[in-house]
Amino acid sequence: MNSRILVFCTFLLVLSCKKGGDVFQTIPAEEVGIDFVNTITETDELNILDYLYFYNGGGVAIGDIDNDGLPDVFFSGNQVKNQLYRNKGDLKFENISTSAGIEGNSTWNSGAVMGDVNGDGWLDIYV
């Protein structure tokens, strides 16, 4: 009986698969407004041998930072400045990093999160 169920499930799986057709579509950075690259450069002092998580990135957090109902995006950089993008709707974003004062001065980030820590109704960004 179990082999019949396995054959039937396999049959359904094969029927549900479609050939071709992309699920995701690349949208140019100029069109969306998000242009963040976490470029890292190895040195004698900072590299994968000395820091196991060297290539893991700095972290991304998504949340509604201006309470307009649209999810905004924060990228933390390792050897580049942090960037915050305000969602203007219709998959269009505006870089508000400088005016928000979040570019940062740290030498290495390993994570980012948004949450209303102080309970004032506005999301806080922790890097």
PDB file of N, CA and C in Angstrom:
ATOM      1  N   MET A   1       0.808  -1.189   0.000  1.00  0.00           N
ATOM      2  CA  MET A   1       0.000   0.000   0.000  1.00  0.00           C
ATOM      3  C   MET A   1       0.861   1.268   0.000  1.00  0.00           C
ATOM      4  N   ASN A   2       1.942   1.282   0.766  1.00  0.00           N
ATOM      5  CA  ASN A   2       2.807   2.455   0.832  1.00  0.00           C
ATOM      6  C   ASN A   2       3.475   2.741  -0.507  1.00  0.00           C
ATOM      7  N   SER A   3       3.816   1.716  -1.266  1.00  0.00           N
ATOM      8  CA  SER A   3       4.440   1.932  -2.572  1.00  0.00           C
ATOM      9  C   SER A   3       3.461   2.590  -3.534  1.00  0.00           C
ATOM     10  N   ARG A   4       2.154   2.279  -3.422  1.00  0.00           N
ATOM     11  CA  ARG A   4       1.154   2.918  -4.280  1.00  0.00           C
ATOM     12  C   ARG A   4       1.060   4.412  -3.975  1.00  0.00           C
ATOM     13  N   ILE A   5       1.116   4.751  -2.698  1.00  0.00           N
ATOM     14  CA  ILE A   5       1.059   6.156  -2.301  1.00  0.00           C
ATOM     15  C   ILE A   5       2.286   6.898  -2.821  1.00  0.00           C
ATOM     16  N   LEU A   6       3.443   6.277  -2.725  1.00  0.00           N
ATOM     17  CA  LEU A   6       4.681   6.874  -3.207  1.00  0.00           C
ATOM     18  C   LEU A   6       4.621   7.087  -4.715  1.00  0.00           C
ATOM     19  N   VAL A   7       4.146   6.119  -5.443  1.00  0.00           N
ATOM     20  CA  VAL A   7       4.032   6.241  -6.902  1.00  0.00           C
ATOM     21  C   VAL A   7       3.038   7.347  -7.255  1.00  0.00           C
ATOM     22  N   PHE A   8       1.918   7.405  -6.552  1.00  0.00           N
ATOM     23  CA  PHE A   8       0.907   8.418  -6.808  1.00  0.00           C
ATOM     24  C   PHE A   8       1.448   9.826  -6.521  1.00  0.00           C
ATOM     25  N   CYS A   9       2.150   9.985  -5.405  1.00  0.00           N
ATOM     26  CA  CYS A   9       2.727  11.287  -5.049  1.00  0.00           C
ATOM     27  C   CYS A   9       3.780  11.709  -6.065  1.00  0.00           C
ATOM     28  N   THR A  10       4.594  10.768  -6.510  1.00  0.00           N
ATOM     29  CA  THR A  10       5.601  11.048  -7.532  1.00  0.00           C
ATOM     30  C   THR A  10       4.933  11.484  -8.822  1.00  0.00           C
ATOM     31  N   PHE A  11       3.856  10.793  -9.199  1.00  0.00           N
ATOM     32  CA  PHE A  11       3.104  11.135 -10.401  1.00  0.00           C
ATOM     33  C   PHE A  11       2.554  12.561 -10.299  1.00  0.00           C
ATOM     34  N   LEU A  12       1.976  12.911  -9.151  1.00  0.00           N
ATOM     35  CA  LEU A  12       1.447  14.262  -8.958  1.00  0.00           C
ATOM     36  C   LEU A  12       2.555  15.312  -9.018  1.00  0.00           C
ATOM     37  N   LEU A  13       3.705  14.992  -8.448  1.00  0.00           N
ATOM     38  CA  LEU A  13       4.827  15.912  -8.462  1.00  0.00           C
ATOM     39  C   LEU A  13       5.299  16.171  -9.886  1.00  0.00           C
ATOM     40  N   VAL A  14       5.397  15.114 -10.678  1.00  0.00           N
ATOM     41  CA  VAL A  14       5.834  15.258 -12.071  1.00  0.00           C
ATOM     42  C   VAL A  14       4.825  16.080 -12.856  1.00  0.00           C
ATOM     43  N   LEU A  15       3.538  15.845 -12.643  1.00  0.00           N
ATOM     44  CA  LEU A  15       2.505  16.598 -13.359  1.00  0.00           C
ATOM     45  C   LEU A  15       2.493  18.073 -12.970  1.00  0.00           C
ATOM     46  N   SER A  16       2.851  18.373 -11.729  1.00  0.00           N
ATOM     47  CA  SER A  16       2.796  19.758 -11.262  1.00  0.00           C
ATOM     48  C   SER A  16       3.972  20.591 -11.740  1.00  0.00           C
ATOM     49  N   CYS A  17       5.041  19.963 -12.189  1.00  0.00           N
ATOM     50  CA  CYS A  17       6.217  20.687 -12.664  1.00  0.00           C
ATOM     51  C   CYS A  17       5.979  21.191 -14.083  1.00  0.00           C
ATOM     52  N   LYS A  18       6.372  22.440 -14.327  1.00  0.00           N
ATOM     53  CA  LYS A  18       6.256  23.008 -15.659  1.00  0.00           C
ATOM     54  C   LYS A  18       7.655  23.240 -16.195  1.00  0.00           C
ATOM     55  N   LYS A  19       7.782  23.048 -17.500  1.00  0.00           N
ATOM     56  CA  LYS A  19       9.054  23.353 -18.139  1.00  0.00           C
ATOM     57  C   LYS A  19       9.068  24.815 -18.544  1.00  0.00           C
ATOM     58  N   GLY A  20      10.264  25.419 -18.415  1.00  0.00           N
ATOM     59  CA  GLY A  20      10.415  26.796 -18.852  1.00  0.00           C
ATOM     60  C   GLY A  20       9.689  27.769 -17.945  1.00  0.00           C
ATOM     61  N   GLY A  21       9.700  29.005 -18.349  1.00  0.00           N
ATOM     62  CA  GLY A  21       9.015  30.038 -17.582  1.00  0.00           C
ATOM     63  C   GLY A  21       9.770  30.399 -16.322  1.00  0.00           C
ATOM     64  N   ASP A  22      10.194  31.635 -16.242  1.00  0.00           N
ATOM     65  CA  ASP A  22      10.904  32.105 -15.057  1.00  0.00           C
ATOM     66  C   ASP A  22       9.919  32.523 -13.985  1.00  0.00           C
ATOM     67  N   VAL A  23      10.222  32.169 -12.770  1.00  0.00           N
ATOM     68  CA  VAL A  23       9.404  32.573 -11.642  1.00  0.00           C
ATOM     69  C   VAL A  23       9.798  33.985 -11.204  1.00  0.00           C
ATOM     70  N   PHE A  24      11.087  34.282 -11.267  1.00  0.00           N
ATOM     71  CA  PHE A  24      11.601  35.580 -10.852  1.00  0.00           C
ATOM     72  C   PHE A  24      12.061  36.367 -12.067  1.00  0.00           C
ATOM     73  N   GLN A  25      11.993  37.661 -11.949  1.00  0.00           N
ATOM     74  CA  GLN A  25      12.411  38.543 -13.029  1.00  0.00           C
ATOM     75  C   GLN A  25      13.383  39.570 -12.471  1.00  0.00           C
ATOM     76  N   THR A  26      14.482  39.802 -13.172  1.00  0.00           N
ATOM     77  CA  THR A  26      15.460  40.795 -12.756  1.00  0.00           C
ATOM     78  C   THR A  26      14.956  42.181 -13.138  1.00  0.00           C
ATOM     79  N   ILE A  27      14.987  43.081 -12.165  1.00  0.00           N
ATOM     80  CA  ILE A  27      14.585  44.464 -12.402  1.00  0.00           C
ATOM     81  C   ILE A  27      15.822  45.323 -12.195  1.00  0.00           C
ATOM     82  N   PRO A  28      16.156  46.180 -13.154  1.00  0.00           N
ATOM     83  CA  PRO A  28      17.365  47.006 -13.027  1.00  0.00           C
ATOM     84  C   PRO A  28      17.330  47.900 -11.794  1.00  0.00           C
ATOM     85  N   ALA A  29      18.491  48.091 -11.181  1.00  0.00           N
ATOM     86  CA  ALA A  29      18.608  48.919  -9.975  1.00  0.00           C
ATOM     87  C   ALA A  29      18.125  50.342 -10.230  1.00  0.00           C
ATOM     88  N   GLU A  30      18.360  50.867 -11.424  1.00  0.00           N
ATOM     89  CA  GLU A  30      17.930  52.225 -11.750  1.00  0.00           C
ATOM     90  C   GLU A  30      16.410  52.352 -11.697  1.00  0.00           C
ATOM     91  N   GLU A  31      15.715  51.300 -12.061  1.00  0.00           N
ATOM     92  CA  GLU A  31      14.245  51.323 -12.072  1.00  0.00           C
ATOM     93  C   GLU A  31      13.670  51.221 -10.659  1.00  0.00           C
ATOM     94  N   VAL A  32      14.267  50.369  -9.839  1.00  0.00           N
ATOM     95  CA  VAL A  32      13.779  50.152  -8.480  1.00  0.00           C
ATOM     96  C   VAL A  32      14.266  51.239  -7.528  1.00  0.00           C
ATOM     97  N   GLY A  33      15.503  51.680  -7.711  1.00  0.00           N
ATOM     98  CA  GLY A  33      16.063  52.705  -6.838  1.00  0.00           C
ATOM     99  C   GLY A  33      16.960  52.150  -5.748  1.00  0.00           C
ATOM    100  N   ILE A  34      17.161  50.836  -5.712  1.00  0.00           N
ATOM    101  CA  ILE A  34      18.057  50.226  -4.722  1.00  0.00           C
ATOM    102  C   ILE A  34      19.358  49.868  -5.419  1.00  0.00           C
ATOM    103  N   ASP A  35      20.452  50.446  -4.921  1.00  0.00           N
ATOM    104  CA  ASP A  35      21.758  50.211  -5.527  1.00  0.00           C
ATOM    105  C   ASP A  35      22.792  50.035  -4.416  1.00  0.00           C
ATOM    106  N   PHE A  36      22.687  48.933  -3.683  1.00  0.00           N
ATOM    107  CA  PHE A  36      23.602  48.661  -2.569  1.00  0.00           C
ATOM    108  C   PHE A  36      24.480  47.469  -2.927  1.00  0.00           C
ATOM    109  N   VAL A  37      25.768  47.622  -2.753  1.00  0.00           N
ATOM    110  CA  VAL A  37      26.718  46.529  -2.938  1.00  0.00           C
ATOM    111  C   VAL A  37      27.627  46.517  -1.714  1.00  0.00           C
ATOM    112  N   ASN A  38      27.657  45.393  -1.016  1.00  0.00           N
ATOM    113  CA  ASN A  38      28.500  45.261   0.168  1.00  0.00           C
ATOM    114  C   ASN A  38      29.869  44.748  -0.266  1.00  0.00           C
ATOM    115  N   THR A  39      30.645  45.615  -0.876  1.00  0.00           N
ATOM    116  CA  THR A  39      31.973  45.255  -1.376  1.00  0.00           C
ATOM    117  C   THR A  39      32.928  45.074  -0.209  1.00  0.00           C
ATOM    118  N   ILE A  40      33.598  43.930  -0.181  1.00  0.00           N
ATOM    119  CA  ILE A  40      34.590  43.685   0.865  1.00  0.00           C
ATOM    120  C   ILE A  40      35.926  43.352   0.223  1.00  0.00           C
ATOM    121  N   THR A  41      36.998  43.809   0.861  1.00  0.00           N
ATOM    122  CA  THR A  41      38.346  43.595   0.362  1.00  0.00           C
ATOM    123  C   THR A  41      39.171  42.931   1.454  1.00  0.00           C
ATOM    124  N   GLU A  42      39.747  41.800   1.113  1.00  0.00           N
ATOM    125  CA  GLU A  42      40.599  41.098   2.080  1.00  0.00           C
ATOM    126  C   GLU A  42      41.899  41.857   2.305  1.00  0.00           C
ATOM    127  N   THR A  43      42.363  41.808   3.539  1.00  0.00           N
ATOM    128  CA  THR A  43      43.674  42.364   3.887  1.00  0.00           C
ATOM    129  C   THR A  43      44.413  41.316   4.709  1.00  0.00           C
ATOM    130  N   ASP A  44      45.648  41.613   5.061  1.00  0.00           N
ATOM    131  CA  ASP A  44      46.403  40.698   5.915  1.00  0.00           C
ATOM    132  C   ASP A  44      45.773  40.591   7.296  1.00  0.00           C
ATOM    133  N   GLU A  45      45.143  41.682   7.759  1.00  0.00           N
ATOM    134  CA  GLU A  45      44.537  41.702   9.081  1.00  0.00           C
ATOM    135  C   GLU A  45      43.104  41.182   9.093  1.00  0.00           C
ATOM    136  N   LEU A  46      42.406  41.289   7.976  1.00  0.00           N
ATOM    137  CA  LEU A  46      40.996  40.914   7.906  1.00  0.00           C
ATOM    138  C   LEU A  46      40.758  40.027   6.694  1.00  0.00           C
ATOM    139  N   ASN A  47      40.551  38.733   6.968  1.00  0.00           N
ATOM    140  CA  ASN A  47      40.358  37.779   5.879  1.00  0.00           C
ATOM    141  C   ASN A  47      39.626  36.544   6.401  1.00  0.00           C
ATOM    142  N   ILE A  48      39.317  35.627   5.508  1.00  0.00           N
ATOM    143  CA  ILE A  48      38.546  34.431   5.866  1.00  0.00           C
ATOM    144  C   ILE A  48      39.301  33.534   6.852  1.00  0.00           C
ATOM    145  N   LEU A  49      40.611  33.573   6.849  1.00  0.00           N
ATOM    146  CA  LEU A  49      41.388  32.739   7.772  1.00  0.00           C
ATOM    147  C   LEU A  49      41.322  33.264   9.205  1.00  0.00           C
ATOM    148  N   ASP A  50      41.248  34.587   9.347  1.00  0.00           N
ATOM    149  CA  ASP A  50      41.178  35.189  10.675  1.00  0.00           C
ATOM    150  C   ASP A  50      39.746  35.391  11.168  1.00  0.00           C
ATOM    151  N   TYR A  51      38.805  35.506  10.224  1.00  0.00           N
ATOM    152  CA  TYR A  51      37.410  35.737  10.577  1.00  0.00           C
ATOM    153  C   TYR A  51      36.547  34.815   9.723  1.00  0.00           C
ATOM    154  N   LEU A  52      36.060  33.757  10.336  1.00  0.00           N
ATOM    155  CA  LEU A  52      35.325  32.704   9.626  1.00  0.00           C
ATOM    156  C   LEU A  52      34.117  33.232   8.858  1.00  0.00           C
ATOM    157  N   TYR A  53      33.478  34.274   9.346  1.00  0.00           N
ATOM    158  CA  TYR A  53      32.257  34.798   8.744  1.00  0.00           C
ATOM    159  C   TYR A  53      32.510  35.985   7.812  1.00  0.00           C
ATOM    160  N   PHE A  54      33.714  36.078   7.288  1.00  0.00           N
ATOM    161  CA  PHE A  54      34.134  37.203   6.456  1.00  0.00           C
ATOM    162  C   PHE A  54      33.193  37.436   5.275  1.00  0.00           C
ATOM    163  N   TYR A  55      32.737  36.387   4.645  1.00  0.00           N
ATOM    164  CA  TYR A  55      31.902  36.521   3.447  1.00  0.00           C
ATOM    165  C   TYR A  55      30.403  36.423   3.733  1.00  0.00           C
ATOM    166  N   ASN A  56      29.986  36.437   4.980  1.00  0.00           N
ATOM    167  CA  ASN A  56      28.566  36.282   5.304  1.00  0.00           C
ATOM    168  C   ASN A  56      27.739  37.539   5.063  1.00  0.00           C
ATOM    169  N   GLY A  57      28.329  38.685   4.888  1.00  0.00           N
ATOM    170  CA  GLY A  57      27.568  39.905   4.667  1.00  0.00           C
ATOM    171  C   GLY A  57      27.269  40.626   5.967  1.00  0.00           C
ATOM    172  N   GLY A  58      26.681  41.798   5.829  1.00  0.00           N
ATOM    173  CA  GLY A  58      26.449  42.641   6.988  1.00  0.00           C
ATOM    174  C   GLY A  58      25.060  42.544   7.567  1.00  0.00           C
ATOM    175  N   GLY A  59      24.087  42.124   6.796  1.00  0.00           N
ATOM    176  CA  GLY A  59      22.735  41.986   7.297  1.00  0.00           C
ATOM    177  C   GLY A  59      21.744  42.894   6.591  1.00  0.00           C
ATOM    178  N   VAL A  60      20.510  42.437   6.532  1.00  0.00           N
ATOM    179  CA  VAL A  60      19.414  43.162   5.910  1.00  0.00           C
ATOM    180  C   VAL A  60      18.233  43.134   6.870  1.00  0.00           C
ATOM    181  N   ALA A  61      17.542  44.254   6.987  1.00  0.00           N
ATOM    182  CA  ALA A  61      16.330  44.313   7.805  1.00  0.00           C
ATOM    183  C   ALA A  61      15.240  44.999   6.993  1.00  0.00           C
ATOM    184  N   ILE A  62      14.027  44.477   7.101  1.00  0.00           N
ATOM    185  CA  ILE A  62      12.889  45.046   6.381  1.00  0.00           C
ATOM    186  C   ILE A  62      11.802  45.391   7.382  1.00  0.00           C
ATOM    187  N   GLY A  63      11.287  46.603   7.287  1.00  0.00           N
ATOM    188  CA  GLY A  63      10.231  47.047   8.185  1.00  0.00           C
ATOM    189  C   GLY A  63       9.723  48.411   7.762  1.00  0.00           C
ATOM    190  N   ASP A  64       8.598  48.808   8.286  1.00  0.00           N
ATOM    191  CA  ASP A  64       7.969  50.081   7.940  1.00  0.00           C
ATOM    192  C   ASP A  64       8.486  51.172   8.883  1.00  0.00           C
ATOM    193  N   ILE A  65       9.582  51.810   8.517  1.00  0.00           N
ATOM    194  CA  ILE A  65      10.234  52.771   9.406  1.00  0.00           C
ATOM    195  C   ILE A  65       9.509  54.107   9.501  1.00  0.00           C
ATOM    196  N   ASP A  66       8.650  54.420   8.524  1.00  0.00           N
ATOM    197  CA  ASP A  66       7.942  55.705   8.555  1.00  0.00           C
ATOM    198  C   ASP A  66       6.426  55.548   8.731  1.00  0.00           C
ATOM    199  N   ASN A  67       6.002  54.339   9.099  1.00  0.00           N
ATOM    200  CA  ASN A  67       4.587  54.043   9.393  1.00  0.00           C
ATOM    201  C   ASN A  67       3.630  54.436   8.267  1.00  0.00           C
ATOM    202  N   ASP A  68       4.058  54.243   7.005  1.00  0.00           N
ATOM    203  CA  ASP A  68       3.180  54.541   5.876  1.00  0.00           C
ATOM    204  C   ASP A  68       2.536  53.280   5.292  1.00  0.00           C
ATOM    205  N   GLY A  69       2.777  52.128   5.935  1.00  0.00           N
ATOM    206  CA  GLY A  69       2.192  50.873   5.478  1.00  0.00           C
ATOM    207  C   GLY A  69       3.006  50.149   4.429  1.00  0.00           C
ATOM    208  N   LEU A  70       4.176  50.684   4.059  1.00  0.00           N
ATOM    209  CA  LEU A  70       5.028  50.061   3.039  1.00  0.00           C
ATOM    210  C   LEU A  70       6.337  49.598   3.681  1.00  0.00           C
ATOM    211  N   PRO A  71       6.805  48.389   3.361  1.00  0.00           N
ATOM    212  CA  PRO A  71       8.051  47.892   3.955  1.00  0.00           C
ATOM    213  C   PRO A  71       9.277  48.586   3.363  1.00  0.00           C
ATOM    214  N   ASP A  72      10.095  49.154   4.226  1.00  0.00           N
ATOM    215  CA  ASP A  72      11.334  49.813   3.836  1.00  0.00           C
ATOM    216  C   ASP A  72      12.485  48.836   4.044  1.00  0.00           C
ATOM    217  N   VAL A  73      13.633  49.105   3.420  1.00  0.00           N
ATOM    218  CA  VAL A  73      14.747  48.149   3.439  1.00  0.00           C
ATOM    219  C   VAL A  73      16.009  48.819   3.966  1.00  0.00           C
ATOM    220  N   PHE A  74      16.667  48.157   4.919  1.00  0.00           N
ATOM    221  CA  PHE A  74      17.940  48.618   5.480  1.00  0.00           C
ATOM    222  C   PHE A  74      19.012  47.580   5.185  1.00  0.00           C
ATOM    223  N   PHE A  75      20.149  48.025   4.648  1.00  0.00           N
ATOM    224  CA  PHE A  75      21.299  47.168   4.394  1.00  0.00           C
ATOM    225  C   PHE A  75      22.450  47.636   5.267  1.00  0.00           C
ATOM    226  N   SER A  76      23.053  46.729   6.028  1.00  0.00           N
ATOM    227  CA  SER A  76      24.242  47.110   6.793  1.00  0.00           C
ATOM    228  C   SER A  76      25.471  46.661   6.014  1.00  0.00           C
ATOM    229  N   GLY A  77      26.451  47.543   5.958  1.00  0.00           N
ATOM    230  CA  GLY A  77      27.667  47.263   5.207  1.00  0.00           C
ATOM    231  C   GLY A  77      28.800  46.860   6.117  1.00  0.00           C
ATOM    232  N   ASN A  78      29.763  46.179   5.536  1.00  0.00           N
ATOM    233  CA  ASN A  78      30.953  45.809   6.286  1.00  0.00           C
ATOM    234  C   ASN A  78      32.052  46.839   6.071  1.00  0.00           C
ATOM    235  N   GLN A  79      32.481  47.010   4.849  1.00  0.00           N
ATOM    236  CA  GLN A  79      33.510  47.994   4.540  1.00  0.00           C
ATOM    237  C   GLN A  79      32.934  49.136   3.707  1.00  0.00           C
ATOM    238  N   VAL A  80      31.624  49.189   3.619  1.00  0.00           N
ATOM    239  CA  VAL A  80      30.906  50.274   2.946  1.00  0.00           C
ATOM    240  C   VAL A  80      29.880  50.833   3.925  1.00  0.00           C
ATOM    241  N   LYS A  81      29.340  51.991   3.621  1.00  0.00           N
ATOM    242  CA  LYS A  81      28.353  52.617   4.508  1.00  0.00           C
ATOM    243  C   LYS A  81      27.010  51.882   4.451  1.00  0.00           C
ATOM    244  N   ASN A  82      26.302  51.892   5.579  1.00  0.00           N
ATOM    245  CA  ASN A  82      24.946  51.347   5.638  1.00  0.00           C
ATOM    246  C   ASN A  82      24.041  52.183   4.734  1.00  0.00           C
ATOM    247  N   GLN A  83      22.952  51.559   4.257  1.00  0.00           N
ATOM    248  CA  GLN A  83      21.998  52.297   3.430  1.00  0.00           C
ATOM    249  C   GLN A  83      20.573  51.946   3.827  1.00  0.00           C
ATOM    250  N   LEU A  84      19.718  52.969   3.852  1.00  0.00           N
ATOM    251  CA  LEU A  84      18.306  52.808   4.169  1.00  0.00           C
ATOM    252  C   LEU A  84      17.490  53.308   2.982  1.00  0.00           C
ATOM    253  N   TYR A  85      16.585  52.456   2.508  1.00  0.00           N
ATOM    254  CA  TYR A  85      15.755  52.790   1.358  1.00  0.00           C
ATOM    255  C   TYR A  85      14.296  52.863   1.777  1.00  0.00           C
ATOM    256  N   ARG A  86      13.670  54.020   1.548  1.00  0.00           N
ATOM    257  CA  ARG A  86      12.256  54.242   1.846  1.00  0.00           C
ATOM    258  C   ARG A  86      11.423  53.770   0.667  1.00  0.00           C
ATOM    259  N   ASN A  87      10.428  52.956   0.957  1.00  0.00           N
ATOM    260  CA  ASN A  87       9.530  52.423  -0.062  1.00  0.00           C
ATOM    261  C   ASN A  87       8.515  53.497  -0.439  1.00  0.00           C
ATOM    262  N   LYS A  88       8.495  53.866  -1.733  1.00  0.00           N
ATOM    263  CA  LYS A  88       7.555  54.868  -2.218  1.00  0.00           C
ATOM    264  C   LYS A  88       6.353  54.222  -2.910  1.00  0.00           C
ATOM    265  N   GLY A  89       6.292  52.890  -2.906  1.00  0.00           N
ATOM    266  CA  GLY A  89       5.207  52.160  -3.556  1.00  0.00           C
ATOM    267  C   GLY A  89       5.568  51.779  -4.981  1.00  0.00           C
ATOM    268  N   ASP A  90       4.828  50.835  -5.533  1.00  0.00           N
ATOM    269  CA  ASP A  90       5.041  50.349  -6.903  1.00  0.00           C
ATOM    270  C   ASP A  90       6.476  49.897  -7.151  1.00  0.00           C
ATOM    271  N   LEU A  91       7.098  49.303  -6.150  1.00  0.00           N
ATOM    272  CA  LEU A  91       8.466  48.799  -6.232  1.00  0.00           C
ATOM    273  C   LEU A  91       9.480  49.889  -6.582  1.00  0.00           C
ATOM    274  N   LYS A  92       9.271  51.085  -6.026  1.00  0.00           N
ATOM    275  CA  LYS A  92      10.186  52.212  -6.189  1.00  0.00           C
ATOM    276  C   LYS A  92      10.686  52.608  -4.812  1.00  0.00           C
ATOM    277  N   PHE A  93      12.012  52.787  -4.696  1.00  0.00           N
ATOM    278  CA  PHE A  93      12.627  53.108  -3.417  1.00  0.00           C
ATOM    279  C   PHE A  93      13.485  54.356  -3.541  1.00  0.00           C
ATOM    280  N   GLU A  94      13.642  55.051  -2.402  1.00  0.00           N
ATOM    281  CA  GLU A  94      14.461  56.259  -2.329  1.00  0.00           C
ATOM    282  C   GLU A  94      15.511  56.067  -1.247  1.00  0.00           C
ATOM    283  N   ASN A  95      16.775  56.358  -1.566  1.00  0.00           N
ATOM    284  CA  ASN A  95      17.860  56.240  -0.599  1.00  0.00           C
ATOM    285  C   ASN A  95      17.797  57.434   0.355  1.00  0.00           C
ATOM    286  N   ILE A  96      17.476  57.164   1.628  1.00  0.00           N
ATOM    287  CA  ILE A  96      17.379  58.235   2.635  1.00  0.00           C
ATOM    288  C   ILE A  96      18.454  58.074   3.714  1.00  0.00           C
ATOM    289  N   SER A  97      19.531  57.401   3.371  1.00  0.00           N
ATOM    290  CA  SER A  97      20.584  57.079   4.340  1.00  0.00           C
ATOM    291  C   SER A  97      21.179  58.311   5.010  1.00  0.00           C
ATOM    292  N   THR A  98      21.554  59.295   4.223  1.00  0.00           N
ATOM    293  CA  THR A  98      22.201  60.485   4.767  1.00  0.00           C
ATOM    294  C   THR A  98      21.249  61.270   5.646  1.00  0.00           C
ATOM    295  N   SER A  99      20.028  61.519   5.165  1.00  0.00           N
ATOM    296  CA  SER A  99      19.071  62.310   5.957  1.00  0.00           C
ATOM    297  C   SER A  99      18.626  61.572   7.213  1.00  0.00           C
ATOM    298  N   ALA A 100      18.651  60.227   7.184  1.00  0.00           N
ATOM    299  CA  ALA A 100      18.283  59.440   8.366  1.00  0.00           C
ATOM    300  C   ALA A 100      19.453  59.290   9.339  1.00  0.00           C
ATOM    301  N   GLY A 101      20.661  59.610   8.878  1.00  0.00           N
ATOM    302  CA  GLY A 101      21.839  59.535   9.743  1.00  0.00           C
ATOM    303  C   GLY A 101      22.215  58.115  10.128  1.00  0.00           C
ATOM    304  N   ILE A 102      22.051  57.155   9.229  1.00  0.00           N
ATOM    305  CA  ILE A 102      22.308  55.747   9.564  1.00  0.00           C
ATOM    306  C   ILE A 102      23.506  55.164   8.824  1.00  0.00           C
ATOM    307  N   GLU A 103      24.290  55.964   8.168  1.00  0.00           N
ATOM    308  CA  GLU A 103      25.380  55.418   7.365  1.00  0.00           C
ATOM    309  C   GLU A 103      26.417  54.681   8.197  1.00  0.00           C
ATOM    310  N   GLY A 104      26.611  55.083   9.432  1.00  0.00           N
ATOM    311  CA  GLY A 104      27.465  54.353  10.370  1.00  0.00           C
ATOM    312  C   GLY A 104      28.943  54.581  10.191  1.00  0.00           C
ATOM    313  N   ASN A 105      29.675  54.284  11.269  1.00  0.00           N
ATOM    314  CA  ASN A 105      31.124  54.432  11.277  1.00  0.00           C
ATOM    315  C   ASN A 105      31.829  53.161  11.728  1.00  0.00           C
ATOM    316  N   SER A 106      31.093  52.057  11.861  1.00  0.00           N
ATOM    317  CA  SER A 106      31.709  50.832  12.375  1.00  0.00           C
ATOM    318  C   SER A 106      32.610  50.205  11.318  1.00  0.00           C
ATOM    319  N   THR A 107      33.488  49.329  11.764  1.00  0.00           N
ATOM    320  CA  THR A 107      34.401  48.679  10.832  1.00  0.00           C
ATOM    321  C   THR A 107      33.853  47.348  10.317  1.00  0.00           C
ATOM    322  N   TRP A 108      32.901  46.748  11.023  1.00  0.00           N
ATOM    323  CA  TRP A 108      32.353  45.472  10.574  1.00  0.00           C
ATOM    324  C   TRP A 108      30.987  45.230  11.211  1.00  0.00           C
ATOM    325  N   ASN A 109      30.004  44.906  10.391  1.00  0.00           N
ATOM    326  CA  ASN A 109      28.660  44.593  10.879  1.00  0.00           C
ATOM    327  C   ASN A 109      28.344  43.135  10.577  1.00  0.00           C
ATOM    328  N   SER A 110      27.613  42.498  11.464  1.00  0.00           N
ATOM    329  CA  SER A 110      27.283  41.087  11.244  1.00  0.00           C
ATOM    330  C   SER A 110      25.793  40.795  11.385  1.00  0.00           C
ATOM    331  N   GLY A 111      24.971  41.827  11.359  1.00  0.00           N
ATOM    332  CA  GLY A 111      23.534  41.604  11.418  1.00  0.00           C
ATOM    333  C   GLY A 111      22.774  42.896  11.574  1.00  0.00           C
ATOM    334  N   ALA A 112      21.485  42.847  11.223  1.00  0.00           N
ATOM    335  CA  ALA A 112      20.605  44.007  11.365  1.00  0.00           C
ATOM    336  C   ALA A 112      19.206  43.513  11.675  1.00  0.00           C
ATOM    337  N   VAL A 113      18.471  44.284  12.477  1.00  0.00           N
ATOM    338  CA  VAL A 113      17.099  43.931  12.829  1.00  0.00           C
ATOM    339  C   VAL A 113      16.324  45.218  13.090  1.00  0.00           C
ATOM    340  N   MET A 114      15.022  45.177  12.810  1.00  0.00           N
ATOM    341  CA  MET A 114      14.141  46.303  13.123  1.00  0.00           C
ATOM    342  C   MET A 114      13.101  45.833  14.127  1.00  0.00           C
ATOM    343  N   GLY A 115      12.815  46.678  15.085  1.00  0.00           N
ATOM    344  CA  GLY A 115      11.792  46.380  16.078  1.00  0.00           C
ATOM    345  C   GLY A 115      11.536  47.619  16.921  1.00  0.00           C
ATOM    346  N   ASP A 116      10.336  47.741  17.458  1.00  0.00           N
ATOM    347  CA  ASP A 116       9.999  48.876  18.302  1.00  0.00           C
ATOM    348  C   ASP A 116      10.438  48.570  19.732  1.00  0.00           C
ATOM    349  N   VAL A 117      11.712  48.756  20.002  1.00  0.00           N
ATOM    350  CA  VAL A 117      12.303  48.394  21.289  1.00  0.00           C
ATOM    351  C   VAL A 117      11.816  49.302  22.413  1.00  0.00           C
ATOM    352  N   ASN A 118      11.692  50.600  22.153  1.00  0.00           N
ATOM    353  CA  ASN A 118      11.322  51.527  23.215  1.00  0.00           C
ATOM    354  C   ASN A 118       9.812  51.788  23.301  1.00  0.00           C
ATOM    355  N   GLY A 119       9.015  51.118  22.461  1.00  0.00           N
ATOM    356  CA  GLY A 119       7.564  51.198  22.550  1.00  0.00           C
ATOM    357  C   GLY A 119       6.958  52.533  22.156  1.00  0.00           C
ATOM    358  N   ASP A 120       7.638  53.306  21.312  1.00  0.00           N
ATOM    359  CA  ASP A 120       7.100  54.605  20.913  1.00  0.00           C
ATOM    360  C   ASP A 120       6.267  54.552  19.631  1.00  0.00           C
ATOM    361  N   GLY A 121       6.074  53.358  19.067  1.00  0.00           N
ATOM    362  CA  GLY A 121       5.283  53.215  17.847  1.00  0.00           C
ATOM    363  C   GLY A 121       6.081  53.335  16.565  1.00  0.00           C
ATOM    364  N   TRP A 122       7.385  53.533  16.670  1.00  0.00           N
ATOM    365  CA  TRP A 122       8.260  53.648  15.508  1.00  0.00           C
ATOM    366  C   TRP A 122       9.314  52.544  15.581  1.00  0.00           C
ATOM    367  N   LEU A 123       9.634  51.945  14.431  1.00  0.00           N
ATOM    368  CA  LEU A 123      10.658  50.897  14.409  1.00  0.00           C
ATOM    369  C   LEU A 123      12.034  51.493  14.679  1.00  0.00           C
ATOM    370  N   ASP A 124      12.815  50.758  15.457  1.00  0.00           N
ATOM    371  CA  ASP A 124      14.211  51.103  15.722  1.00  0.00           C
ATOM    372  C   ASP A 124      15.071  50.144  14.904  1.00  0.00           C
ATOM    373  N   ILE A 125      16.214  50.611  14.441  1.00  0.00           N
ATOM    374  CA  ILE A 125      17.135  49.771  13.670  1.00  0.00           C
ATOM    375  C   ILE A 125      18.341  49.472  14.535  1.00  0.00           C
ATOM    376  N   TYR A 126      18.616  48.189  14.719  1.00  0.00           N
ATOM    377  CA  TYR A 126      19.788  47.760  15.485  1.00  0.00           C
ATOM    378  C   TYR A 126      20.715  46.990  14.575  1.00  0.00           C
ATOM    379  N   VAL A 127      22.007  47.401  14.586  1.00  0.00           N
ATOM    380  CA  VAL A 127      23.024  46.770  13.740  1.00  0.00           C
ATOM    381  C   VAL A 127      24.035  46.104  14.644  1.00  0.00           C
TER     382      VAL A 127
END
